[in-house]
Amino acid sequence: MNITKQKLKELKKQANPLKNTFNIGKTGITTNFIKQINEYFKTHEIIKIKILNVEEKSQTLESAKIVSQKTNSIIVEVKGFTFTIYREFQTK
């Protein structure tokens, strides 16, 4: 899924005031966690996720890449221990 720079800028603006919807805790990125995110994407296009229990901020980007790949979404932004992903509503 490709996205224009303008659309990405708009998404960052929309995501800024959002509170994190999900937390990745000590169990990490599980199948159930991915299932919950996919369910949430049925009614929302932007999700903010915070990672708990990490030592390095570089782990945030790695987690964002994994979640993005498994949920077929795009990474909008990675800030500190939080990342935002986006997936357009699926029309059937």
PDB file of N, CA and C in Angstrom:
ATOM      1  N   MET A   1       0.853  -1.174   0.000  1.00  0.00           N
ATOM      2  CA  MET A   1       0.000   0.000   0.000  1.00  0.00           C
ATOM      3  C   MET A   1       0.897   1.236   0.000  1.00  0.00           C
ATOM      4  N   ASN A   2       0.727   2.043  -1.021  1.00  0.00           N
ATOM      5  CA  ASN A   2       1.506   3.283  -1.122  1.00  0.00           C
ATOM      6  C   ASN A   2       0.669   4.459  -0.662  1.00  0.00           C
ATOM      7  N   ILE A   3       1.353   5.467  -0.171  1.00  0.00           N
ATOM      8  CA  ILE A   3       0.657   6.638   0.366  1.00  0.00           C
ATOM      9  C   ILE A   3       1.448   7.887  -0.019  1.00  0.00           C
ATOM     10  N   THR A   4       0.748   8.958  -0.326  1.00  0.00           N
ATOM     11  CA  THR A   4       1.428  10.191  -0.722  1.00  0.00           C
ATOM     12  C   THR A   4       1.976  10.904   0.519  1.00  0.00           C
ATOM     13  N   LYS A   5       2.922  11.776   0.286  1.00  0.00           N
ATOM     14  CA  LYS A   5       3.502  12.547   1.390  1.00  0.00           C
ATOM     15  C   LYS A   5       2.440  13.429   2.047  1.00  0.00           C
ATOM     16  N   GLN A   6       1.543  13.972   1.232  1.00  0.00           N
ATOM     17  CA  GLN A   6       0.481  14.831   1.755  1.00  0.00           C
ATOM     18  C   GLN A   6      -0.451  14.030   2.662  1.00  0.00           C
ATOM     19  N   LYS A   7      -0.827  12.826   2.235  1.00  0.00           N
ATOM     20  CA  LYS A   7      -1.712  11.971   3.035  1.00  0.00           C
ATOM     21  C   LYS A   7      -1.017  11.586   4.343  1.00  0.00           C
ATOM     22  N   LEU A   8       0.266  11.274   4.276  1.00  0.00           N
ATOM     23  CA  LEU A   8       1.030  10.921   5.466  1.00  0.00           C
ATOM     24  C   LEU A   8       1.057  12.090   6.452  1.00  0.00           C
ATOM     25  N   LYS A   9       1.227  13.287   5.936  1.00  0.00           N
ATOM     26  CA  LYS A   9       1.235  14.489   6.770  1.00  0.00           C
ATOM     27  C   LYS A   9      -0.122  14.660   7.469  1.00  0.00           C
ATOM     28  N   GLU A  10      -1.205  14.448   6.725  1.00  0.00           N
ATOM     29  CA  GLU A  10      -2.552  14.539   7.293  1.00  0.00           C
ATOM     30  C   GLU A  10      -2.761  13.486   8.392  1.00  0.00           C
ATOM     31  N   LEU A  11      -2.280  12.285   8.140  1.00  0.00           N
ATOM     32  CA  LEU A  11      -2.434  11.201   9.117  1.00  0.00           C
ATOM     33  C   LEU A  11      -1.675  11.502  10.404  1.00  0.00           C
ATOM     34  N   LYS A  12      -0.482  12.070  10.273  1.00  0.00           N
ATOM     35  CA  LYS A  12       0.293  12.439  11.462  1.00  0.00           C
ATOM     36  C   LYS A  12      -0.458  13.476  12.289  1.00  0.00           C
ATOM     37  N   LYS A  13      -1.088  14.427  11.597  1.00  0.00           N
ATOM     38  CA  LYS A  13      -1.883  15.448  12.280  1.00  0.00           C
ATOM     39  C   LYS A  13      -3.046  14.813  13.038  1.00  0.00           C
ATOM     40  N   GLN A  14      -3.723  13.861  12.388  1.00  0.00           N
ATOM     41  CA  GLN A  14      -4.856  13.175  13.007  1.00  0.00           C
ATOM     42  C   GLN A  14      -4.410  12.328  14.198  1.00  0.00           C
ATOM     43  N   ALA A  15      -3.249  11.731  14.084  1.00  0.00           N
ATOM     44  CA  ALA A  15      -2.767  10.810  15.112  1.00  0.00           C
ATOM     45  C   ALA A  15      -2.216  11.525  16.336  1.00  0.00           C
ATOM     46  N   ASN A  16      -1.744  12.743  16.158  1.00  0.00           N
ATOM     47  CA  ASN A  16      -1.085  13.460  17.246  1.00  0.00           C
ATOM     48  C   ASN A  16      -1.904  13.525  18.539  1.00  0.00           C
ATOM     49  N   PRO A  17      -3.181  13.930  18.504  1.00  0.00           N
ATOM     50  CA  PRO A  17      -3.930  14.029  19.770  1.00  0.00           C
ATOM     51  C   PRO A  17      -4.425  12.693  20.322  1.00  0.00           C
ATOM     52  N   LEU A  18      -4.308  11.624  19.548  1.00  0.00           N
ATOM     53  CA  LEU A  18      -4.818  10.325  19.993  1.00  0.00           C
ATOM     54  C   LEU A  18      -4.029   9.762  21.166  1.00  0.00           C
ATOM     55  N   LYS A  19      -4.727   9.072  22.038  1.00  0.00           N
ATOM     56  CA  LYS A  19      -4.066   8.330  23.115  1.00  0.00           C
ATOM     57  C   LYS A  19      -3.779   6.936  22.565  1.00  0.00           C
ATOM     58  N   ASN A  20      -2.800   6.257  23.160  1.00  0.00           N
ATOM     59  CA  ASN A  20      -2.511   4.920  22.659  1.00  0.00           C
ATOM     60  C   ASN A  20      -3.701   3.991  22.923  1.00  0.00           C
ATOM     61  N   THR A  21      -4.059   3.262  21.886  1.00  0.00           N
ATOM     62  CA  THR A  21      -5.196   2.358  21.924  1.00  0.00           C
ATOM     63  C   THR A  21      -4.789   0.995  22.471  1.00  0.00           C
ATOM     64  N   PHE A  22      -3.591   0.565  22.118  1.00  0.00           N
ATOM     65  CA  PHE A  22      -3.081  -0.739  22.534  1.00  0.00           C
ATOM     66  C   PHE A  22      -1.704  -0.583  23.165  1.00  0.00           C
ATOM     67  N   ASN A  23      -1.380  -1.532  24.037  1.00  0.00           N
ATOM     68  CA  ASN A  23      -0.047  -1.607  24.634  1.00  0.00           C
ATOM     69  C   ASN A  23       0.551  -2.965  24.327  1.00  0.00           C
ATOM     70  N   ILE A  24       1.817  -2.971  24.005  1.00  0.00           N
ATOM     71  CA  ILE A  24       2.533  -4.235  23.860  1.00  0.00           C
ATOM     72  C   ILE A  24       3.285  -4.441  25.160  1.00  0.00           C
ATOM     73  N   GLY A  25       2.907  -5.463  25.889  1.00  0.00           N
ATOM     74  CA  GLY A  25       3.497  -5.729  27.193  1.00  0.00           C
ATOM     75  C   GLY A  25       4.534  -6.820  27.148  1.00  0.00           C
ATOM     76  N   LYS A  26       4.700  -7.485  28.278  1.00  0.00           N
ATOM     77  CA  LYS A  26       5.755  -8.500  28.387  1.00  0.00           C
ATOM     78  C   LYS A  26       5.497  -9.734  27.526  1.00  0.00           C
ATOM     79  N   THR A  27       4.232  -9.965  27.124  1.00  0.00           N
ATOM     80  CA  THR A  27       3.963 -11.118  26.257  1.00  0.00           C
ATOM     81  C   THR A  27       4.348 -10.847  24.812  1.00  0.00           C
ATOM     82  N   GLY A  28       4.549  -9.584  24.478  1.00  0.00           N
ATOM     83  CA  GLY A  28       4.994  -9.234  23.137  1.00  0.00           C
ATOM     84  C   GLY A  28       3.864  -9.226  22.119  1.00  0.00           C
ATOM     85  N   ILE A  29       4.238  -9.415  20.872  1.00  0.00           N
ATOM     86  CA  ILE A  29       3.274  -9.393  19.770  1.00  0.00           C
ATOM     87  C   ILE A  29       2.780 -10.818  19.547  1.00  0.00           C
ATOM     88  N   THR A  30       1.608 -11.097  20.062  1.00  0.00           N
ATOM     89  CA  THR A  30       1.038 -12.447  19.959  1.00  0.00           C
ATOM     90  C   THR A  30       0.009 -12.501  18.827  1.00  0.00           C
ATOM     91  N   THR A  31      -0.414 -13.699  18.493  1.00  0.00           N
ATOM     92  CA  THR A  31      -1.450 -13.886  17.484  1.00  0.00           C
ATOM     93  C   THR A  31      -2.742 -13.202  17.924  1.00  0.00           C
ATOM     94  N   ASN A  32      -3.054 -13.309  19.205  1.00  0.00           N
ATOM     95  CA  ASN A  32      -4.252 -12.677  19.741  1.00  0.00           C
ATOM     96  C   ASN A  32      -4.165 -11.151  19.638  1.00  0.00           C
ATOM     97  N   PHE A  33      -2.995 -10.597  19.895  1.00  0.00           N
ATOM     98  CA  PHE A  33      -2.777  -9.152  19.791  1.00  0.00           C
ATOM     99  C   PHE A  33      -3.050  -8.689  18.357  1.00  0.00           C
ATOM    100  N   ILE A  34      -2.524  -9.408  17.385  1.00  0.00           N
ATOM    101  CA  ILE A  34      -2.733  -9.073  15.966  1.00  0.00           C
ATOM    102  C   ILE A  34      -4.212  -9.188  15.616  1.00  0.00           C
ATOM    103  N   LYS A  35      -4.869 -10.200  16.152  1.00  0.00           N
ATOM    104  CA  LYS A  35      -6.305 -10.393  15.911  1.00  0.00           C
ATOM    105  C   LYS A  35      -7.100  -9.198  16.444  1.00  0.00           C
ATOM    106  N   GLN A  36      -6.735  -8.709  17.636  1.00  0.00           N
ATOM    107  CA  GLN A  36      -7.413  -7.554  18.234  1.00  0.00           C
ATOM    108  C   GLN A  36      -7.223  -6.302  17.380  1.00  0.00           C
ATOM    109  N   ILE A  37      -6.031  -6.118  16.875  1.00  0.00           N
ATOM    110  CA  ILE A  37      -5.751  -4.956  16.028  1.00  0.00           C
ATOM    111  C   ILE A  37      -6.569  -5.037  14.736  1.00  0.00           C
ATOM    112  N   ASN A  38      -6.610  -6.215  14.125  1.00  0.00           N
ATOM    113  CA  ASN A  38      -7.394  -6.386  12.904  1.00  0.00           C
ATOM    114  C   ASN A  38      -8.877  -6.111  13.156  1.00  0.00           C
ATOM    115  N   GLU A  39      -9.385  -6.516  14.305  1.00  0.00           N
ATOM    116  CA  GLU A  39     -10.775  -6.228  14.683  1.00  0.00           C
ATOM    117  C   GLU A  39     -10.988  -4.722  14.813  1.00  0.00           C
ATOM    118  N   TYR A  40     -10.053  -4.053  15.472  1.00  0.00           N
ATOM    119  CA  TYR A  40     -10.147  -2.604  15.689  1.00  0.00           C
ATOM    120  C   TYR A  40     -10.117  -1.857  14.352  1.00  0.00           C
ATOM    121  N   PHE A  41      -9.346  -2.369  13.407  1.00  0.00           N
ATOM    122  CA  PHE A  41      -9.261  -1.744  12.084  1.00  0.00           C
ATOM    123  C   PHE A  41     -10.587  -1.796  11.329  1.00  0.00           C
ATOM    124  N   LYS A  42     -11.522  -2.620  11.764  1.00  0.00           N
ATOM    125  CA  LYS A  42     -12.825  -2.680  11.091  1.00  0.00           C
ATOM    126  C   LYS A  42     -13.632  -1.403  11.315  1.00  0.00           C
ATOM    127  N   THR A  43     -13.320  -0.678  12.399  1.00  0.00           N
ATOM    128  CA  THR A  43     -14.062   0.549  12.712  1.00  0.00           C
ATOM    129  C   THR A  43     -13.183   1.796  12.800  1.00  0.00           C
ATOM    130  N   HIS A  44     -11.877   1.637  12.745  1.00  0.00           N
ATOM    131  CA  HIS A  44     -10.943   2.764  12.834  1.00  0.00           C
ATOM    132  C   HIS A  44      -9.848   2.608  11.783  1.00  0.00           C
ATOM    133  N   GLU A  45      -9.300   3.725  11.341  1.00  0.00           N
ATOM    134  CA  GLU A  45      -8.222   3.672  10.353  1.00  0.00           C
ATOM    135  C   GLU A  45      -6.847   3.917  10.968  1.00  0.00           C
ATOM    136  N   ILE A  46      -6.810   4.559  12.126  1.00  0.00           N
ATOM    137  CA  ILE A  46      -5.532   4.892  12.759  1.00  0.00           C
ATOM    138  C   ILE A  46      -5.482   4.267  14.148  1.00  0.00           C
ATOM    139  N   ILE A  47      -4.355   3.643  14.440  1.00  0.00           N
ATOM    140  CA  ILE A  47      -4.168   3.026  15.760  1.00  0.00           C
ATOM    141  C   ILE A  47      -2.811   3.455  16.312  1.00  0.00           C
ATOM    142  N   LYS A  48      -2.815   3.864  17.561  1.00  0.00           N
ATOM    143  CA  LYS A  48      -1.581   4.239  18.240  1.00  0.00           C
ATOM    144  C   LYS A  48      -1.261   3.148  19.262  1.00  0.00           C
ATOM    145  N   ILE A  49      -0.031   2.664  19.229  1.00  0.00           N
ATOM    146  CA  ILE A  49       0.387   1.553  20.079  1.00  0.00           C
ATOM    147  C   ILE A  49       1.631   1.948  20.877  1.00  0.00           C
ATOM    148  N   LYS A  50       1.606   1.658  22.158  1.00  0.00           N
ATOM    149  CA  LYS A  50       2.745   1.952  23.032  1.00  0.00           C
ATOM    150  C   LYS A  50       3.400   0.642  23.443  1.00  0.00           C
ATOM    151  N   ILE A  51       4.713   0.669  23.487  1.00  0.00           N
ATOM    152  CA  ILE A  51       5.458  -0.521  23.890  1.00  0.00           C
ATOM    153  C   ILE A  51       5.955  -0.323  25.315  1.00  0.00           C
ATOM    154  N   LEU A  52       5.612  -1.263  26.152  1.00  0.00           N
ATOM    155  CA  LEU A  52       6.044  -1.254  27.546  1.00  0.00           C
ATOM    156  C   LEU A  52       7.223  -2.218  27.689  1.00  0.00           C
ATOM    157  N   ASN A  53       7.980  -2.070  28.699  1.00  0.00           N
ATOM    158  CA  ASN A  53       9.073  -3.007  29.016  1.00  0.00           C
ATOM    159  C   ASN A  53      10.123  -3.138  27.915  1.00  0.00           C
ATOM    160  N   VAL A  54      10.533  -2.035  27.312  1.00  0.00           N
ATOM    161  CA  VAL A  54      11.630  -2.094  26.344  1.00  0.00           C
ATOM    162  C   VAL A  54      12.775  -1.231  26.838  1.00  0.00           C
ATOM    163  N   GLU A  55      13.940  -1.635  26.479  1.00  0.00           N
ATOM    164  CA  GLU A  55      15.148  -0.934  26.914  1.00  0.00           C
ATOM    165  C   GLU A  55      15.553   0.154  25.907  1.00  0.00           C
ATOM    166  N   GLU A  56      15.408  -0.158  24.625  1.00  0.00           N
ATOM    167  CA  GLU A  56      15.907   0.744  23.586  1.00  0.00           C
ATOM    168  C   GLU A  56      14.790   1.193  22.659  1.00  0.00           C
ATOM    169  N   LYS A  57      14.855   2.440  22.251  1.00  0.00           N
ATOM    170  CA  LYS A  57      13.842   2.972  21.352  1.00  0.00           C
ATOM    171  C   LYS A  57      13.880   2.303  19.988  1.00  0.00           C
ATOM    172  N   SER A  58      15.025   1.742  19.608  1.00  0.00           N
ATOM    173  CA  SER A  58      15.120   1.066  18.311  1.00  0.00           C
ATOM    174  C   SER A  58      14.200  -0.153  18.258  1.00  0.00           C
ATOM    175  N   GLN A  59      13.866  -0.711  19.406  1.00  0.00           N
ATOM    176  CA  GLN A  59      12.949  -1.844  19.451  1.00  0.00           C
ATOM    177  C   GLN A  59      11.544  -1.423  19.026  1.00  0.00           C
ATOM    178  N   THR A  60      11.222  -0.162  19.208  1.00  0.00           N
ATOM    179  CA  THR A  60       9.911   0.348  18.815  1.00  0.00           C
ATOM    180  C   THR A  60       9.732   0.239  17.306  1.00  0.00           C
ATOM    181  N   LEU A  61      10.742   0.637  16.554  1.00  0.00           N
ATOM    182  CA  LEU A  61      10.665   0.556  15.097  1.00  0.00           C
ATOM    183  C   LEU A  61      10.539  -0.895  14.645  1.00  0.00           C
ATOM    184  N   GLU A  62      11.295  -1.775  15.257  1.00  0.00           N
ATOM    185  CA  GLU A  62      11.220  -3.195  14.903  1.00  0.00           C
ATOM    186  C   GLU A  62       9.818  -3.743  15.163  1.00  0.00           C
ATOM    187  N   SER A  63       9.253  -3.414  16.308  1.00  0.00           N
ATOM    188  CA  SER A  63       7.895  -3.861  16.640  1.00  0.00           C
ATOM    189  C   SER A  63       6.881  -3.266  15.668  1.00  0.00           C
ATOM    190  N   ALA A  64       7.062  -1.995  15.323  1.00  0.00           N
ATOM    191  CA  ALA A  64       6.160  -1.331  14.378  1.00  0.00           C
ATOM    192  C   ALA A  64       6.183  -2.043  13.027  1.00  0.00           C
ATOM    193  N   LYS A  65       7.366  -2.421  12.581  1.00  0.00           N
ATOM    194  CA  LYS A  65       7.499  -3.128  11.299  1.00  0.00           C
ATOM    195  C   LYS A  65       6.772  -4.473  11.342  1.00  0.00           C
ATOM    196  N   ILE A  66       6.921  -5.194  12.438  1.00  0.00           N
ATOM    197  CA  ILE A  66       6.281  -6.511  12.580  1.00  0.00           C
ATOM    198  C   ILE A  66       4.761  -6.369  12.577  1.00  0.00           C
ATOM    199  N   VAL A  67       4.247  -5.455  13.408  1.00  0.00           N
ATOM    200  CA  VAL A  67       2.794  -5.260  13.507  1.00  0.00           C
ATOM    201  C   VAL A  67       2.240  -4.775  12.168  1.00  0.00           C
ATOM    202  N   SER A  68       2.930  -3.852  11.537  1.00  0.00           N
ATOM    203  CA  SER A  68       2.501  -3.311  10.256  1.00  0.00           C
ATOM    204  C   SER A  68       2.415  -4.418   9.197  1.00  0.00           C
ATOM    205  N   GLN A  69       3.420  -5.249   9.161  1.00  0.00           N
ATOM    206  CA  GLN A  69       3.449  -6.338   8.185  1.00  0.00           C
ATOM    207  C   GLN A  69       2.321  -7.341   8.442  1.00  0.00           C
ATOM    208  N   LYS A  70       2.110  -7.700   9.695  1.00  0.00           N
ATOM    209  CA  LYS A  70       1.109  -8.713  10.034  1.00  0.00           C
ATOM    210  C   LYS A  70      -0.325  -8.206   9.917  1.00  0.00           C
ATOM    211  N   THR A  71      -0.508  -6.893   9.949  1.00  0.00           N
ATOM    212  CA  THR A  71      -1.862  -6.332   9.856  1.00  0.00           C
ATOM    213  C   THR A  71      -2.108  -5.648   8.508  1.00  0.00           C
ATOM    214  N   ASN A  72      -1.151  -5.739   7.612  1.00  0.00           N
ATOM    215  CA  ASN A  72      -1.263  -5.123   6.293  1.00  0.00           C
ATOM    216  C   ASN A  72      -1.578  -3.626   6.405  1.00  0.00           C
ATOM    217  N   SER A  73      -0.825  -2.949   7.260  1.00  0.00           N
ATOM    218  CA  SER A  73      -1.009  -1.511   7.479  1.00  0.00           C
ATOM    219  C   SER A  73       0.303  -0.791   7.211  1.00  0.00           C
ATOM    220  N   ILE A  74       0.251   0.535   7.255  1.00  0.00           N
ATOM    221  CA  ILE A  74       1.478   1.310   7.076  1.00  0.00           C
ATOM    222  C   ILE A  74       1.821   2.050   8.356  1.00  0.00           C
ATOM    223  N   ILE A  75       3.112   2.212   8.576  1.00  0.00           N
ATOM    224  CA  ILE A  75       3.591   2.954   9.736  1.00  0.00           C
ATOM    225  C   ILE A  75       3.480   4.438   9.400  1.00  0.00           C
ATOM    226  N   VAL A  76       2.740   5.153  10.230  1.00  0.00           N
ATOM    227  CA  VAL A  76       2.579   6.590  10.036  1.00  0.00           C
ATOM    228  C   VAL A  76       3.713   7.320  10.736  1.00  0.00           C
ATOM    229  N   GLU A  77       4.009   6.884  11.972  1.00  0.00           N
ATOM    230  CA  GLU A  77       4.998   7.601  12.774  1.00  0.00           C
ATOM    231  C   GLU A  77       5.498   6.717  13.906  1.00  0.00           C
ATOM    232  N   VAL A  78       6.757   6.899  14.239  1.00  0.00           N
ATOM    233  CA  VAL A  78       7.352   6.235  15.406  1.00  0.00           C
ATOM    234  C   VAL A  78       7.959   7.337  16.267  1.00  0.00           C
ATOM    235  N   LYS A  79       7.482   7.441  17.513  1.00  0.00           N
ATOM    236  CA  LYS A  79       7.983   8.463  18.446  1.00  0.00           C
ATOM    237  C   LYS A  79       8.268   7.790  19.774  1.00  0.00           C
ATOM    238  N   GLY A  80       9.504   7.811  20.182  1.00  0.00           N
ATOM    239  CA  GLY A  80       9.862   7.220  21.472  1.00  0.00           C
ATOM    240  C   GLY A  80       9.474   5.765  21.541  1.00  0.00           C
ATOM    241  N   PHE A  81       8.582   5.421  22.466  1.00  0.00           N
ATOM    242  CA  PHE A  81       8.141   4.049  22.631  1.00  0.00           C
ATOM    243  C   PHE A  81       6.730   3.846  22.086  1.00  0.00           C
ATOM    244  N   THR A  82       6.289   4.766  21.234  1.00  0.00           N
ATOM    245  CA  THR A  82       4.945   4.711  20.665  1.00  0.00           C
ATOM    246  C   THR A  82       5.031   4.759  19.147  1.00  0.00           C
ATOM    247  N   PHE A  83       4.154   4.010  18.494  1.00  0.00           N
ATOM    248  CA  PHE A  83       4.074   4.092  17.044  1.00  0.00           C
ATOM    249  C   PHE A  83       2.617   4.109  16.604  1.00  0.00           C
ATOM    250  N   THR A  84       2.397   4.668  15.422  1.00  0.00           N
ATOM    251  CA  THR A  84       1.059   4.796  14.866  1.00  0.00           C
ATOM    252  C   THR A  84       1.021   4.075  13.533  1.00  0.00           C
ATOM    253  N   ILE A  85      -0.054   3.292  13.336  1.00  0.00           N
ATOM    254  CA  ILE A  85      -0.226   2.590  12.065  1.00  0.00           C
ATOM    255  C   ILE A  85      -1.567   2.978  11.456  1.00  0.00           C
ATOM    256  N   TYR A  86      -1.659   2.810  10.141  1.00  0.00           N
ATOM    257  CA  TYR A  86      -2.854   3.211   9.405  1.00  0.00           C
ATOM    258  C   TYR A  86      -3.208   2.121   8.406  1.00  0.00           C
ATOM    259  N   ARG A  87      -4.508   1.870   8.299  1.00  0.00           N
ATOM    260  CA  ARG A  87      -5.011   0.984   7.248  1.00  0.00           C
ATOM    261  C   ARG A  87      -6.346   1.542   6.786  1.00  0.00           C
ATOM    262  N   GLU A  88      -6.457   1.722   5.478  1.00  0.00           N
ATOM    263  CA  GLU A  88      -7.680   2.255   4.906  1.00  0.00           C
ATOM    264  C   GLU A  88      -8.817   1.258   5.135  1.00  0.00           C
ATOM    265  N   PHE A  89     -10.012   1.798   5.328  1.00  0.00           N
ATOM    266  CA  PHE A  89     -11.182   0.920   5.503  1.00  0.00           C
ATOM    267  C   PHE A  89     -11.307   0.013   4.288  1.00  0.00           C
ATOM    268  N   GLN A  90     -11.604  -1.246   4.562  1.00  0.00           N
ATOM    269  CA  GLN A  90     -11.792  -2.224   3.492  1.00  0.00           C
ATOM    270  C   GLN A  90     -13.241  -2.173   3.029  1.00  0.00           C
ATOM    271  N   THR A  91     -13.462  -1.831   1.795  1.00  0.00           N
ATOM    272  CA  THR A  91     -14.823  -1.819   1.263  1.00  0.00           C
ATOM    273  C   THR A  91     -15.072  -3.139   0.540  1.00  0.00           C
ATOM    274  N   LYS A  92     -16.228  -3.692   0.810  1.00  0.00           N
ATOM    275  CA  LYS A  92     -16.515  -5.005   0.206  1.00  0.00           C
ATOM    276  C   LYS A  92     -17.524  -4.895  -0.896  1.00  0.00           C
TER     277      LYS A  92
END
